[in-house]
């Protein structure tokens, strides 16, 4: 692997094993706007802080995205999240659920419908307002690190959150403080050692400047163990909604524009509102068609998960007593 440039070693540290030796990191991929490095000590892959300072969430979750989300079909979105609850309920049936990074709130809505006592936090303003005003959910607009640690939960969920976090180790340590003894942590993150990541390498659509952490099965186990959690199960996840929004739409966009570009480049040209509107086209059909779609989707999802075909992983972990 190429040697990492000296300027990229600024504040360089591995959140999994704590390695801070600049000579113990290697350049894995070099993109136009960022580089990806790997820790030689534990194998963790991430974007260095040098590039993280440049992260901009322009048009990430603005009013246009909210309008598109509001126009979507909530029933379909809830069915998608019920698949996640099938995974969760293999370990815990009911309890106080804390959804960290609640997003647009449809996971919490599904949990409420299934009898969980739900609570969430969301730092992005538009999703927070949608959760509170549209869905009437108990969501706070606060910095997680400033959250009152006297609050305790039976399970904490992190859906597509940990890959965005600069200090993932401190983040998980805070989660441990908020989890009841024998409580659970459920995570979904892009999987760097998945079939799709290995095949597409630096053109993998999950690789971008806003995703600073790239966990594999081994490194997610290590960082969770470091913070008081034992991994019980890791399941491959291939979500059809993400396939439609982040693979099918870019292919169509690239074809229409007649440009010679990769899927990653085509993805960069599409904003969140456009993705939501495109997905809405699939969910504006009669209810019988939607039920058929969900039925087929769930079968396909379970088959792909069974054969470990996916580019994300769902992780179930249990809080353990410190030795």
C-alpha atoms as a PDB file:
ATOM      1  CA  UNK A   1       0.000   0.000   0.000  1.00  0.00           C
ATOM      2  CA  UNK A   2       1.174   3.600  -0.652  1.00  0.00           C
ATOM      3  CA  UNK A   3       2.612   5.585   2.276  1.00  0.00           C
ATOM      4  CA  UNK A   4       0.269   8.107   3.886  1.00  0.00           C
ATOM      5  CA  UNK A   5       1.216  11.755   3.274  1.00  0.00           C
ATOM      6  CA  UNK A   6       2.489  13.525   6.388  1.00  0.00           C
ATOM      7  CA  UNK A   7      -0.197  16.239   6.314  1.00  0.00           C
ATOM      8  CA  UNK A   8      -2.907  13.565   6.526  1.00  0.00           C
ATOM      9  CA  UNK A   9      -1.548  12.291   9.858  1.00  0.00           C
ATOM     10  CA  UNK A  10      -2.852  15.317  11.770  1.00  0.00           C
ATOM     11  CA  UNK A  11      -4.718  14.059  14.900  1.00  0.00           C
ATOM     12  CA  UNK A  12      -4.624  10.571  13.386  1.00  0.00           C
ATOM     13  CA  UNK A  13      -5.952   7.922  15.787  1.00  0.00           C
ATOM     14  CA  UNK A  14      -7.735   4.575  15.520  1.00  0.00           C
ATOM     15  CA  UNK A  15     -10.994   4.516  17.491  1.00  0.00           C
ATOM     16  CA  UNK A  16     -10.946   0.704  17.593  1.00  0.00           C
ATOM     17  CA  UNK A  17      -7.511  -0.121  19.031  1.00  0.00           C
ATOM     18  CA  UNK A  18      -6.238   3.329  20.039  1.00  0.00           C
ATOM     19  CA  UNK A  19      -3.217   3.239  17.682  1.00  0.00           C
ATOM     20  CA  UNK A  20      -1.733   6.743  17.199  1.00  0.00           C
ATOM     21  CA  UNK A  21       1.565   5.887  15.503  1.00  0.00           C
ATOM     22  CA  UNK A  22       1.531   7.648  12.086  1.00  0.00           C
ATOM     23  CA  UNK A  23       3.786   4.928  10.696  1.00  0.00           C
ATOM     24  CA  UNK A  24       1.201   2.271  11.577  1.00  0.00           C
ATOM     25  CA  UNK A  25      -1.394   3.556   9.083  1.00  0.00           C
ATOM     26  CA  UNK A  26      -1.448   2.996   5.347  1.00  0.00           C
ATOM     27  CA  UNK A  27      -3.310   4.614   2.488  1.00  0.00           C
ATOM     28  CA  UNK A  28      -6.043   2.291   1.211  1.00  0.00           C
ATOM     29  CA  UNK A  29      -7.875   4.458  -1.319  1.00  0.00           C
ATOM     30  CA  UNK A  30      -7.263   7.942  -2.659  1.00  0.00           C
ATOM     31  CA  UNK A  31     -10.329   9.786  -3.961  1.00  0.00           C
ATOM     32  CA  UNK A  32     -10.692  13.254  -5.451  1.00  0.00           C
ATOM     33  CA  UNK A  33     -11.832  14.918  -2.204  1.00  0.00           C
ATOM     34  CA  UNK A  34     -10.602  12.515   0.474  1.00  0.00           C
ATOM     35  CA  UNK A  35      -8.418   9.525   1.259  1.00  0.00           C
ATOM     36  CA  UNK A  36      -9.205   6.325   3.145  1.00  0.00           C
ATOM     37  CA  UNK A  37      -6.640   4.767   5.480  1.00  0.00           C
ATOM     38  CA  UNK A  38      -6.319   1.448   7.262  1.00  0.00           C
ATOM     39  CA  UNK A  39      -4.868   0.824  10.728  1.00  0.00           C
ATOM     40  CA  UNK A  40      -2.156  -1.822  10.468  1.00  0.00           C
ATOM     41  CA  UNK A  41      -2.664  -2.801  14.105  1.00  0.00           C
ATOM     42  CA  UNK A  42      -6.334  -3.835  13.975  1.00  0.00           C
ATOM     43  CA  UNK A  43      -7.398  -3.424  10.325  1.00  0.00           C
ATOM     44  CA  UNK A  44      -9.916  -0.630  10.910  1.00  0.00           C
ATOM     45  CA  UNK A  45     -10.646   1.453   7.802  1.00  0.00           C
ATOM     46  CA  UNK A  46     -11.584   5.136   8.059  1.00  0.00           C
ATOM     47  CA  UNK A  47     -11.202   8.677   6.707  1.00  0.00           C
ATOM     48  CA  UNK A  48      -8.559  10.717   8.623  1.00  0.00           C
ATOM     49  CA  UNK A  49      -9.546  13.840  10.607  1.00  0.00           C
ATOM     50  CA  UNK A  50      -7.686  15.976   8.037  1.00  0.00           C
ATOM     51  CA  UNK A  51     -10.551  15.337   5.613  1.00  0.00           C
ATOM     52  CA  UNK A  52     -13.346  15.142   8.182  1.00  0.00           C
ATOM     53  CA  UNK A  53     -12.970  18.867   8.839  1.00  0.00           C
ATOM     54  CA  UNK A  54     -14.141  19.459   5.270  1.00  0.00           C
ATOM     55  CA  UNK A  55     -17.422  17.596   5.639  1.00  0.00           C
ATOM     56  CA  UNK A  56     -20.408  19.633   4.449  1.00  0.00           C
ATOM     57  CA  UNK A  57     -23.978  18.361   4.593  1.00  0.00           C
ATOM     58  CA  UNK A  58     -25.260  20.634   1.828  1.00  0.00           C
ATOM     59  CA  UNK A  59     -28.844  19.806   0.783  1.00  0.00           C
ATOM     60  CA  UNK A  60     -28.601  16.829   3.116  1.00  0.00           C
ATOM     61  CA  UNK A  61     -31.928  17.102   4.933  1.00  0.00           C
ATOM     62  CA  UNK A  62     -33.508  20.393   3.975  1.00  0.00           C
ATOM     63  CA  UNK A  63     -37.102  21.529   3.487  1.00  0.00           C
ATOM     64  CA  UNK A  64     -37.248  20.039  -0.013  1.00  0.00           C
ATOM     65  CA  UNK A  65     -36.375  16.620   1.441  1.00  0.00           C
ATOM     66  CA  UNK A  66     -39.066  17.037   4.099  1.00  0.00           C
ATOM     67  CA  UNK A  67     -41.679  17.783   1.429  1.00  0.00           C
ATOM     68  CA  UNK A  68     -40.663  14.631  -0.438  1.00  0.00           C
ATOM     69  CA  UNK A  69     -40.758  12.528   2.745  1.00  0.00           C
ATOM     70  CA  UNK A  70     -44.157  13.960   3.659  1.00  0.00           C
ATOM     71  CA  UNK A  71     -45.488  12.983   0.218  1.00  0.00           C
ATOM     72  CA  UNK A  72     -44.316   9.392   0.661  1.00  0.00           C
ATOM     73  CA  UNK A  73     -46.240   6.342   1.843  1.00  0.00           C
ATOM     74  CA  UNK A  74     -45.693   5.798   5.580  1.00  0.00           C
ATOM     75  CA  UNK A  75     -47.255   2.321   5.518  1.00  0.00           C
ATOM     76  CA  UNK A  76     -44.499   1.025   3.239  1.00  0.00           C
ATOM     77  CA  UNK A  77     -41.806   2.649   5.377  1.00  0.00           C
ATOM     78  CA  UNK A  78     -43.195   1.065   8.543  1.00  0.00           C
ATOM     79  CA  UNK A  79     -43.192  -2.391   6.915  1.00  0.00           C
ATOM     80  CA  UNK A  80     -39.519  -1.950   6.093  1.00  0.00           C
ATOM     81  CA  UNK A  81     -38.722  -1.180   9.729  1.00  0.00           C
ATOM     82  CA  UNK A  82     -40.765  -4.124  10.972  1.00  0.00           C
ATOM     83  CA  UNK A  83     -38.098  -6.308   9.343  1.00  0.00           C
ATOM     84  CA  UNK A  84     -35.629  -4.724  11.733  1.00  0.00           C
ATOM     85  CA  UNK A  85     -37.931  -5.475  14.646  1.00  0.00           C
ATOM     86  CA  UNK A  86     -38.078  -9.137  13.646  1.00  0.00           C
ATOM     87  CA  UNK A  87     -34.323  -9.142  14.171  1.00  0.00           C
ATOM     88  CA  UNK A  88     -34.583  -7.200  17.445  1.00  0.00           C
ATOM     89  CA  UNK A  89     -37.381  -9.306  18.922  1.00  0.00           C
ATOM     90  CA  UNK A  90     -35.258 -12.428  18.730  1.00  0.00           C
ATOM     91  CA  UNK A  91     -33.407 -10.895  21.676  1.00  0.00           C
ATOM     92  CA  UNK A  92     -35.893  -8.570  23.408  1.00  0.00           C
ATOM     93  CA  UNK A  93     -39.666  -8.433  22.938  1.00  0.00           C
ATOM     94  CA  UNK A  94     -40.569  -5.146  24.653  1.00  0.00           C
ATOM     95  CA  UNK A  95     -38.974  -2.364  26.686  1.00  0.00           C
ATOM     96  CA  UNK A  96     -37.725   1.208  26.740  1.00  0.00           C
ATOM     97  CA  UNK A  97     -36.254   1.872  23.309  1.00  0.00           C
ATOM     98  CA  UNK A  98     -33.908   4.760  22.547  1.00  0.00           C
ATOM     99  CA  UNK A  99     -33.476   5.440  18.820  1.00  0.00           C
ATOM    100  CA  UNK A 100     -30.265   7.434  18.506  1.00  0.00           C
ATOM    101  CA  UNK A 101     -30.355   9.399  15.269  1.00  0.00           C
ATOM    102  CA  UNK A 102     -34.107   9.021  14.794  1.00  0.00           C
ATOM    103  CA  UNK A 103     -34.068  10.393  11.257  1.00  0.00           C
ATOM    104  CA  UNK A 104     -37.588  10.742   9.892  1.00  0.00           C
ATOM    105  CA  UNK A 105     -39.040   8.678  12.755  1.00  0.00           C
ATOM    106  CA  UNK A 106     -40.598   5.757  10.876  1.00  0.00           C
ATOM    107  CA  UNK A 107     -38.579   3.197  12.848  1.00  0.00           C
ATOM    108  CA  UNK A 108     -39.888   4.691  16.089  1.00  0.00           C
ATOM    109  CA  UNK A 109     -43.405   4.691  14.642  1.00  0.00           C
ATOM    110  CA  UNK A 110     -43.100   0.962  13.902  1.00  0.00           C
ATOM    111  CA  UNK A 111     -41.750   0.347  17.429  1.00  0.00           C
ATOM    112  CA  UNK A 112     -44.631   2.250  18.999  1.00  0.00           C
ATOM    113  CA  UNK A 113     -47.086   0.162  16.970  1.00  0.00           C
ATOM    114  CA  UNK A 114     -45.393  -3.015  18.266  1.00  0.00           C
ATOM    115  CA  UNK A 115     -45.659  -1.941  21.911  1.00  0.00           C
ATOM    116  CA  UNK A 116     -42.188  -0.532  22.646  1.00  0.00           C
ATOM    117  CA  UNK A 117     -41.837   2.548  24.861  1.00  0.00           C
ATOM    118  CA  UNK A 118     -40.004   4.738  22.343  1.00  0.00           C
ATOM    119  CA  UNK A 119     -37.822   7.824  22.683  1.00  0.00           C
ATOM    120  CA  UNK A 120     -35.351   9.367  20.244  1.00  0.00           C
ATOM    121  CA  UNK A 121     -32.946  12.191  19.525  1.00  0.00           C
ATOM    122  CA  UNK A 122     -32.216  13.780  16.164  1.00  0.00           C
ATOM    123  CA  UNK A 123     -29.668  16.533  15.604  1.00  0.00           C
ATOM    124  CA  UNK A 124     -30.840  17.503  12.092  1.00  0.00           C
ATOM    125  CA  UNK A 125     -33.565  20.121  12.303  1.00  0.00           C
ATOM    126  CA  UNK A 126     -35.912  19.077   9.487  1.00  0.00           C
ATOM    127  CA  UNK A 127     -36.182  15.380  10.463  1.00  0.00           C
ATOM    128  CA  UNK A 128     -36.658  16.432  14.102  1.00  0.00           C
ATOM    129  CA  UNK A 129     -39.514  18.779  13.181  1.00  0.00           C
ATOM    130  CA  UNK A 130     -41.116  16.079  11.037  1.00  0.00           C
ATOM    131  CA  UNK A 131     -40.908  13.543  13.887  1.00  0.00           C
ATOM    132  CA  UNK A 132     -42.485  15.926  16.397  1.00  0.00           C
ATOM    133  CA  UNK A 133     -45.024  17.775  14.257  1.00  0.00           C
ATOM    134  CA  UNK A 134     -46.058  15.174  11.666  1.00  0.00           C
ATOM    135  CA  UNK A 135     -45.635  11.879  13.527  1.00  0.00           C
ATOM    136  CA  UNK A 136     -46.159  13.188  17.101  1.00  0.00           C
ATOM    137  CA  UNK A 137     -43.178  11.238  18.422  1.00  0.00           C
ATOM    138  CA  UNK A 138     -41.165  11.924  21.625  1.00  0.00           C
ATOM    139  CA  UNK A 139     -37.977  13.126  19.940  1.00  0.00           C
ATOM    140  CA  UNK A 140     -35.525  15.713  21.281  1.00  0.00           C
ATOM    141  CA  UNK A 141     -33.326  18.023  19.212  1.00  0.00           C
ATOM    142  CA  UNK A 142     -30.142  17.779  21.307  1.00  0.00           C
ATOM    143  CA  UNK A 143     -26.471  16.846  21.117  1.00  0.00           C
ATOM    144  CA  UNK A 144     -26.217  13.209  22.211  1.00  0.00           C
ATOM    145  CA  UNK A 145     -22.999  13.838  24.164  1.00  0.00           C
ATOM    146  CA  UNK A 146     -24.874  16.346  26.349  1.00  0.00           C
ATOM    147  CA  UNK A 147     -27.713  13.932  27.117  1.00  0.00           C
ATOM    148  CA  UNK A 148     -28.598  13.280  30.764  1.00  0.00           C
ATOM    149  CA  UNK A 149     -26.934   9.992  31.772  1.00  0.00           C
ATOM    150  CA  UNK A 150     -29.545   9.307  34.440  1.00  0.00           C
ATOM    151  CA  UNK A 151     -31.831   8.113  31.633  1.00  0.00           C
ATOM    152  CA  UNK A 152     -31.589   4.369  31.124  1.00  0.00           C
ATOM    153  CA  UNK A 153     -32.918   2.181  28.312  1.00  0.00           C
ATOM    154  CA  UNK A 154     -33.449  -1.508  27.663  1.00  0.00           C
ATOM    155  CA  UNK A 155     -32.265  -1.150  24.077  1.00  0.00           C
ATOM    156  CA  UNK A 156     -30.531   1.484  21.995  1.00  0.00           C
ATOM    157  CA  UNK A 157     -30.719   1.476  18.207  1.00  0.00           C
ATOM    158  CA  UNK A 158     -28.271   3.062  15.754  1.00  0.00           C
ATOM    159  CA  UNK A 159     -29.504   2.772  12.182  1.00  0.00           C
ATOM    160  CA  UNK A 160     -26.922   4.105   9.714  1.00  0.00           C
ATOM    161  CA  UNK A 161     -25.436   6.415  12.355  1.00  0.00           C
ATOM    162  CA  UNK A 162     -22.057   5.093  13.545  1.00  0.00           C
ATOM    163  CA  UNK A 163     -20.404   5.507  10.148  1.00  0.00           C
ATOM    164  CA  UNK A 164     -20.910   9.289  10.468  1.00  0.00           C
ATOM    165  CA  UNK A 165     -19.403   9.694  13.950  1.00  0.00           C
ATOM    166  CA  UNK A 166     -15.923  11.196  14.419  1.00  0.00           C
ATOM    167  CA  UNK A 167     -15.311   9.759  17.884  1.00  0.00           C
ATOM    168  CA  UNK A 168     -17.033   6.407  17.556  1.00  0.00           C
ATOM    169  CA  UNK A 169     -15.364   4.972  20.670  1.00  0.00           C
ATOM    170  CA  UNK A 170     -16.546   7.846  22.903  1.00  0.00           C
ATOM    171  CA  UNK A 171     -19.962   7.635  21.271  1.00  0.00           C
ATOM    172  CA  UNK A 172     -20.322   3.944  22.150  1.00  0.00           C
ATOM    173  CA  UNK A 173     -19.004   4.560  25.672  1.00  0.00           C
ATOM    174  CA  UNK A 174     -21.859   7.041  26.140  1.00  0.00           C
ATOM    175  CA  UNK A 175     -24.306   4.432  24.813  1.00  0.00           C
ATOM    176  CA  UNK A 176     -23.067   1.966  27.434  1.00  0.00           C
ATOM    177  CA  UNK A 177     -23.778   4.487  30.209  1.00  0.00           C
ATOM    178  CA  UNK A 178     -27.376   4.835  28.999  1.00  0.00           C
ATOM    179  CA  UNK A 179     -28.015   1.098  28.662  1.00  0.00           C
ATOM    180  CA  UNK A 180     -29.570  -0.888  31.509  1.00  0.00           C
ATOM    181  CA  UNK A 181     -27.660  -3.929  32.830  1.00  0.00           C
ATOM    182  CA  UNK A 182     -28.174  -6.787  30.350  1.00  0.00           C
ATOM    183  CA  UNK A 183     -29.609  -4.252  27.890  1.00  0.00           C
ATOM    184  CA  UNK A 184     -29.056  -4.374  24.135  1.00  0.00           C
ATOM    185  CA  UNK A 185     -27.502  -2.321  21.369  1.00  0.00           C
ATOM    186  CA  UNK A 186     -28.599  -2.774  17.758  1.00  0.00           C
ATOM    187  CA  UNK A 187     -26.551  -1.246  14.949  1.00  0.00           C
ATOM    188  CA  UNK A 188     -26.642  -1.076  11.186  1.00  0.00           C
ATOM    189  CA  UNK A 189     -23.539   0.144   9.333  1.00  0.00           C
ATOM    190  CA  UNK A 190     -21.980  -0.208   5.865  1.00  0.00           C
ATOM    191  CA  UNK A 191     -19.763  -3.311   5.871  1.00  0.00           C
ATOM    192  CA  UNK A 192     -16.265  -2.818   4.418  1.00  0.00           C
ATOM    193  CA  UNK A 193     -15.609  -6.570   4.195  1.00  0.00           C
ATOM    194  CA  UNK A 194     -18.890  -7.280   2.376  1.00  0.00           C
ATOM    195  CA  UNK A 195     -19.049  -8.797  -1.102  1.00  0.00           C
ATOM    196  CA  UNK A 196     -20.091  -5.470  -2.672  1.00  0.00           C
ATOM    197  CA  UNK A 197     -17.394  -3.424  -0.914  1.00  0.00           C
ATOM    198  CA  UNK A 198     -14.684  -5.865  -1.985  1.00  0.00           C
ATOM    199  CA  UNK A 199     -15.956  -5.947  -5.541  1.00  0.00           C
ATOM    200  CA  UNK A 200     -16.343  -2.190  -6.079  1.00  0.00           C
ATOM    201  CA  UNK A 201     -13.412  -1.089  -3.862  1.00  0.00           C
ATOM    202  CA  UNK A 202     -13.016   2.716  -4.051  1.00  0.00           C
ATOM    203  CA  UNK A 203     -16.091   2.951  -6.321  1.00  0.00           C
ATOM    204  CA  UNK A 204     -18.323   1.392  -3.651  1.00  0.00           C
ATOM    205  CA  UNK A 205     -21.397   3.616  -3.382  1.00  0.00           C
ATOM    206  CA  UNK A 206     -21.251   3.545   0.434  1.00  0.00           C
ATOM    207  CA  UNK A 207     -17.883   5.284   0.339  1.00  0.00           C
ATOM    208  CA  UNK A 208     -18.140   9.056   0.688  1.00  0.00           C
ATOM    209  CA  UNK A 209     -16.826  11.930   2.773  1.00  0.00           C
ATOM    210  CA  UNK A 210     -19.839  11.841   5.126  1.00  0.00           C
ATOM    211  CA  UNK A 211     -19.121   8.170   5.955  1.00  0.00           C
ATOM    212  CA  UNK A 212     -15.955   8.455   8.020  1.00  0.00           C
ATOM    213  CA  UNK A 213     -15.937   4.935   9.567  1.00  0.00           C
ATOM    214  CA  UNK A 214     -15.915   1.642   7.652  1.00  0.00           C
ATOM    215  CA  UNK A 215     -16.392  -1.315   9.964  1.00  0.00           C
ATOM    216  CA  UNK A 216     -15.993  -4.977   9.166  1.00  0.00           C
ATOM    217  CA  UNK A 217     -17.181  -7.901  11.287  1.00  0.00           C
ATOM    218  CA  UNK A 218     -13.922  -8.086  13.222  1.00  0.00           C
ATOM    219  CA  UNK A 219     -13.535  -4.355  13.928  1.00  0.00           C
ATOM    220  CA  UNK A 220     -17.175  -3.881  14.989  1.00  0.00           C
ATOM    221  CA  UNK A 221     -16.713  -6.719  17.497  1.00  0.00           C
ATOM    222  CA  UNK A 222     -13.521  -5.134  18.828  1.00  0.00           C
ATOM    223  CA  UNK A 223     -14.888  -1.625  19.314  1.00  0.00           C
ATOM    224  CA  UNK A 224     -18.070  -2.932  20.964  1.00  0.00           C
ATOM    225  CA  UNK A 225     -16.106  -5.185  23.320  1.00  0.00           C
ATOM    226  CA  UNK A 226     -13.887  -2.200  24.190  1.00  0.00           C
ATOM    227  CA  UNK A 227     -17.014  -0.332  25.291  1.00  0.00           C
ATOM    228  CA  UNK A 228     -18.726  -3.063  27.275  1.00  0.00           C
ATOM    229  CA  UNK A 229     -20.842  -4.882  24.672  1.00  0.00           C
ATOM    230  CA  UNK A 230     -20.700  -8.491  23.505  1.00  0.00           C
ATOM    231  CA  UNK A 231     -21.777  -9.155  19.915  1.00  0.00           C
ATOM    232  CA  UNK A 232     -24.483 -11.827  19.778  1.00  0.00           C
ATOM    233  CA  UNK A 233     -25.315 -11.798  16.089  1.00  0.00           C
ATOM    234  CA  UNK A 234     -24.206 -10.160  12.847  1.00  0.00           C
ATOM    235  CA  UNK A 235     -26.597 -10.335   9.917  1.00  0.00           C
ATOM    236  CA  UNK A 236     -26.030  -9.185   6.357  1.00  0.00           C
ATOM    237  CA  UNK A 237     -28.492  -6.526   5.203  1.00  0.00           C
ATOM    238  CA  UNK A 238     -29.423  -5.597   1.643  1.00  0.00           C
ATOM    239  CA  UNK A 239     -32.214  -3.032   1.639  1.00  0.00           C
ATOM    240  CA  UNK A 240     -34.309  -2.725  -1.503  1.00  0.00           C
ATOM    241  CA  UNK A 241     -35.167   0.912  -0.715  1.00  0.00           C
ATOM    242  CA  UNK A 242     -31.472   1.826  -0.695  1.00  0.00           C
ATOM    243  CA  UNK A 243     -30.947  -0.188  -3.870  1.00  0.00           C
ATOM    244  CA  UNK A 244     -33.695   1.810  -5.598  1.00  0.00           C
ATOM    245  CA  UNK A 245     -32.412   5.174  -4.353  1.00  0.00           C
ATOM    246  CA  UNK A 246     -28.651   4.664  -4.519  1.00  0.00           C
ATOM    247  CA  UNK A 247     -28.125   2.134  -7.339  1.00  0.00           C
ATOM    248  CA  UNK A 248     -31.119   2.076  -9.685  1.00  0.00           C
ATOM    249  CA  UNK A 249     -31.619   5.865  -9.763  1.00  0.00           C
ATOM    250  CA  UNK A 250     -27.918   6.628 -10.487  1.00  0.00           C
ATOM    251  CA  UNK A 251     -27.925   4.046 -13.309  1.00  0.00           C
ATOM    252  CA  UNK A 252     -30.963   5.713 -14.866  1.00  0.00           C
ATOM    253  CA  UNK A 253     -29.462   9.179 -14.304  1.00  0.00           C
ATOM    254  CA  UNK A 254     -26.178   8.164 -15.913  1.00  0.00           C
ATOM    255  CA  UNK A 255     -28.038   6.678 -18.898  1.00  0.00           C
ATOM    256  CA  UNK A 256     -30.175   9.809 -19.372  1.00  0.00           C
ATOM    257  CA  UNK A 257     -27.184  12.158 -19.106  1.00  0.00           C
ATOM    258  CA  UNK A 258     -25.141   9.974 -21.463  1.00  0.00           C
ATOM    259  CA  UNK A 259     -22.025  10.628 -19.416  1.00  0.00           C
ATOM    260  CA  UNK A 260     -19.059   8.355 -18.954  1.00  0.00           C
ATOM    261  CA  UNK A 261     -19.062   8.228 -15.177  1.00  0.00           C
ATOM    262  CA  UNK A 262     -19.030   5.702 -12.364  1.00  0.00           C
ATOM    263  CA  UNK A 263     -22.042   4.983 -10.159  1.00  0.00           C
ATOM    264  CA  UNK A 264     -20.269   6.861  -7.378  1.00  0.00           C
ATOM    265  CA  UNK A 265     -19.965   9.972  -9.555  1.00  0.00           C
ATOM    266  CA  UNK A 266     -23.608   9.689 -10.651  1.00  0.00           C
ATOM    267  CA  UNK A 267     -24.635   9.345  -7.002  1.00  0.00           C
ATOM    268  CA  UNK A 268     -22.835  12.591  -6.139  1.00  0.00           C
ATOM    269  CA  UNK A 269     -25.058  14.481  -8.590  1.00  0.00           C
ATOM    270  CA  UNK A 270     -28.296  13.343  -6.938  1.00  0.00           C
ATOM    271  CA  UNK A 271     -29.580  15.077  -3.803  1.00  0.00           C
ATOM    272  CA  UNK A 272     -31.723  13.596  -1.037  1.00  0.00           C
ATOM    273  CA  UNK A 273     -34.958  15.201  -2.229  1.00  0.00           C
ATOM    274  CA  UNK A 274     -34.562  13.638  -5.675  1.00  0.00           C
ATOM    275  CA  UNK A 275     -33.977  10.226  -4.111  1.00  0.00           C
ATOM    276  CA  UNK A 276     -37.099  10.517  -1.951  1.00  0.00           C
ATOM    277  CA  UNK A 277     -39.254  11.619  -4.879  1.00  0.00           C
ATOM    278  CA  UNK A 278     -37.998   8.735  -6.977  1.00  0.00           C
ATOM    279  CA  UNK A 279     -38.780   6.245  -4.206  1.00  0.00           C
ATOM    280  CA  UNK A 280     -42.241   7.776  -3.836  1.00  0.00           C
ATOM    281  CA  UNK A 281     -43.017   6.664  -7.387  1.00  0.00           C
ATOM    282  CA  UNK A 282     -42.671   3.076  -6.210  1.00  0.00           C
ATOM    283  CA  UNK A 283     -44.975   3.581  -3.234  1.00  0.00           C
ATOM    284  CA  UNK A 284     -47.868   5.463  -4.839  1.00  0.00           C
ATOM    285  CA  UNK A 285     -49.537   2.334  -6.192  1.00  0.00           C
ATOM    286  CA  UNK A 286     -52.781   0.681  -4.972  1.00  0.00           C
ATOM    287  CA  UNK A 287     -52.556  -0.988  -1.560  1.00  0.00           C
ATOM    288  CA  UNK A 288     -52.879  -4.520  -2.960  1.00  0.00           C
ATOM    289  CA  UNK A 289     -49.844  -3.916  -5.154  1.00  0.00           C
ATOM    290  CA  UNK A 290     -47.919  -2.486  -2.219  1.00  0.00           C
ATOM    291  CA  UNK A 291     -48.745  -5.512  -0.049  1.00  0.00           C
ATOM    292  CA  UNK A 292     -47.553  -7.799  -2.831  1.00  0.00           C
ATOM    293  CA  UNK A 293     -44.386  -5.738  -3.208  1.00  0.00           C
ATOM    294  CA  UNK A 294     -43.682  -5.903   0.551  1.00  0.00           C
ATOM    295  CA  UNK A 295     -44.305  -9.677   0.563  1.00  0.00           C
ATOM    296  CA  UNK A 296     -41.858 -10.253  -2.308  1.00  0.00           C
ATOM    297  CA  UNK A 297     -39.397  -7.751  -0.837  1.00  0.00           C
ATOM    298  CA  UNK A 298     -39.323  -9.556   2.515  1.00  0.00           C
ATOM    299  CA  UNK A 299     -38.724 -12.941   0.883  1.00  0.00           C
ATOM    300  CA  UNK A 300     -35.885 -11.522  -1.218  1.00  0.00           C
ATOM    301  CA  UNK A 301     -34.407  -9.694   1.779  1.00  0.00           C
ATOM    302  CA  UNK A 302     -34.367 -12.845   3.911  1.00  0.00           C
ATOM    303  CA  UNK A 303     -32.849 -14.942   1.112  1.00  0.00           C
ATOM    304  CA  UNK A 304     -30.043 -12.434   0.549  1.00  0.00           C
ATOM    305  CA  UNK A 305     -29.399 -12.179   4.297  1.00  0.00           C
ATOM    306  CA  UNK A 306     -29.312 -15.975   4.618  1.00  0.00           C
ATOM    307  CA  UNK A 307     -26.616 -16.202   1.945  1.00  0.00           C
ATOM    308  CA  UNK A 308     -24.731 -13.255   3.486  1.00  0.00           C
ATOM    309  CA  UNK A 309     -25.246 -11.077   0.403  1.00  0.00           C
ATOM    310  CA  UNK A 310     -25.410  -7.417   1.293  1.00  0.00           C
ATOM    311  CA  UNK A 311     -23.346  -4.280   1.757  1.00  0.00           C
ATOM    312  CA  UNK A 312     -24.494  -3.421   5.268  1.00  0.00           C
ATOM    313  CA  UNK A 313     -24.578  -5.430   8.458  1.00  0.00           C
ATOM    314  CA  UNK A 314     -27.024  -5.473  11.343  1.00  0.00           C
ATOM    315  CA  UNK A 315     -25.396  -6.125  14.696  1.00  0.00           C
ATOM    316  CA  UNK A 316     -27.054  -7.300  17.915  1.00  0.00           C
ATOM    317  CA  UNK A 317     -24.940  -6.750  21.040  1.00  0.00           C
ATOM    318  CA  UNK A 318     -25.593  -7.166  24.764  1.00  0.00           C
ATOM    319  CA  UNK A 319     -24.191  -5.053  27.582  1.00  0.00           C
ATOM    320  CA  UNK A 320     -21.873  -7.119  29.725  1.00  0.00           C
ATOM    321  CA  UNK A 321     -20.548  -6.577  33.239  1.00  0.00           C
ATOM    322  CA  UNK A 322     -16.988  -5.183  33.328  1.00  0.00           C
ATOM    323  CA  UNK A 323     -14.416  -7.753  34.416  1.00  0.00           C
END
